[in-house]
Amino acid sequence: TTPVQTTTIPSKAVQDIPLNGRDFTQMIGLAPGFAGYSAGGYGSVNGTRANQVNWQIDGSDNNDLWHNIPAVNQGGVENIAGVTYPIDSLEEFSLQTQSSPETGRNPGGTVNLVTKSGTNTIHGSAYYYNRNEALAIVSPFQTGNPPLRNEQWGASAGGPFWKDHTFWFANFEKQKFRIATGNQGTEPSAAYQAQALTLLQQYGVGVNSATSALLKTLWPADALTGPAQSNNYSGSAPETGYSYNGVIKIDHNFSDRQSLSARAFLGQGNQIAPVCGTCVLPYYFEVAPIHVYNYSLVHNWTLSPRITNQVTIGVNYFNQLFSDQQTGFDVNSLGFVTNSPYSQSPNINISGFEVIGQTPPEGRNDITGHLDEALSWTLGRHQLRFGGEYRQAQIDEFYQRHSTGTFKFTGAQGPWCVNGGDCSGNAEALADFLGGYLASASIARGNAERQVFINTFDLFAQDSWQITPTLNINYGIRYDYLQPMHSDYKNLSVFRPELTASNGLAFQGDQISEVYPSDWANISPRLGFSYSPAFWKGTVLRGGFGMFFDTPNANPFLDNRPGNNAPNGLEGNPGGSDPVFTVAATPQAG
């Protein structure tokens, strides 16, 4: 009866499906039209981009607008979910493709989780899951059987507060994992240092006191004992993580015509992992603590046998930080970076060796409020539906890219790289470092933190017309408004070449009202059909046409990470109320 293709996985199947890490986002891979890697739900639905799916829980928002991917169960380091919505809490998982005017925000489809409710009888579960390398086949490509462990345990229960009227349901779960990295890296060991010092003496170059102090402080002593050869240090520190996750839901029936449901999910955890395949120093593993909360309130009201109404209010909260595992360095006293506000290692790249200080202070707080209204009215063969929704997203981001400094030493700057000298080896690069010969250097100074707001709303009207028992036509119209991000602090900058007085910089709220023009004409006609041919019993043919407007994610504007050391985004320019200056050093001996 509907032109919308909906893939619904009911409660028993949800519980029985084998899911790596019991991550609900992987169930999207069971839907027709999905292609890609299902972990984190990151794949294409019907040819759309991987971040063009609208994720919801009990009809309320579950999107992290920073990436336009799920907030709850978003992959942290190494794509393992930072928090997990307990599978024992799920009554249903569904993916609905977009063709009716009611669906929108993203053109790929809408995923919705339905949370279990309590009943008139007490019911519940207790469970323990353990993935362990002892129970797995040993790979022929590895030596031994290193740890690969994931434990998840928890319990759920539900029942009545007031029989036939008020019900409760609750679920708690803990996850803990440990994965051996087994990586090997190349470190500037004492043997390599001896080779570099020989070069310095050969060419009459003194040791730079600042870089020498860095070597003694920023590298752990046990990592500098290997021979002067590649992969001279084997890391034994594993990737680890944990999360605590809880769901609670209250349902109340005022009468057989009116009900109210309130649900909360609370999750928090932390993950620690290397940032690359050859990164082995635990000092510079990435640490990513995370907090995700999701709330919904749903009111259903049957106004008459023909008219029903549903109002949904939701709040989605996402907070995650990133940093190196080892902090607390007094970088100012080392004489290499002065007046640094951070106690983290600079990003130092000595060609041929492991790069250190790869995770600057960074993170974000993303909060979305969601209000949805839908009214259904049945008139004979017509089912009319009207409604709309409003979302306000607030993002407070503090990605301090380049703030600790980025310094590169290649071996090509010192006197050993002239007159045909060999400057391609690790010893030459380390000699550049110890002699203070920079190949390139840059550092960003200023406050890159920005708070932005993004408001969106839509209205829709549709009619599902059951022309015959085998033919249904759905037609209607949808209107979307997607407001460009804005801030009250006049610190979002864009380039306008005509503004010569400000060197081409324009600030939202000052010289310009918006970072890009608003579009108030986002009108979407939608038309679809479903047909069950008499000659092919049990088969339904569906088709649809429509225009779709996609909500853009925020990080291309605020964290686009250019590869040429240019400003990081709208927040990275030297002007306005919160200027950020990116300063480059001239390569020379220090």
Foldseek 3Di string as FASTA:
>chain_A
DDLKDKDKDFLVSLVPDDDDLSAVQLCVVVDPQWDDRSQQQQTARVPDHRLQEFEEEPPHGQAQLQRSGGQQQAQDPVSGGQWGDHSNQFRMWMWIADFFQVDFQGRRTYIYTYTDWAAADKDKDWDKDKDWQVPDDDDPVDDDRFTWIKIKTWMKMKHAPDHPFKIKIKIKMKMKTKAWLFAFFFDCAPQLVVLLVVVCVVVVFDFDQLLVLCNVPVADNVQRHFHPDGRRDTAGHIKIKMKIKMKMKMKGDPDPFKIKIKMKIWMWMKIWAQPDSRDRGLQFTKIKTKIKMKIKMKMWGDPDPFKIKMKMKMKIKIWMWIFGPHFQAPSCVSVPDHPQPGRFAAFEAQPRGDTGGPAHTWIKIKMKIKIWMKMWGDDPQKIKMKIKMKMKMKMWIFRQPQASKHWYFQLCQDPCNPPPHDRHDSSSSVSCSRQQFTPKMKHKDWGLIDMKMKMKMKIWIKMWGCPDVFKIKIWIKMFMWTAAIDDPQQQFWDAACVPVVVPRIGTCPGNHVHPDDTDRPRMKIGIKMWGQDPVHPPDIDIDMDMDGDHHRRDCCARAVPDPPQDARHRNAAQDGPIYMDMDMDDGDGD
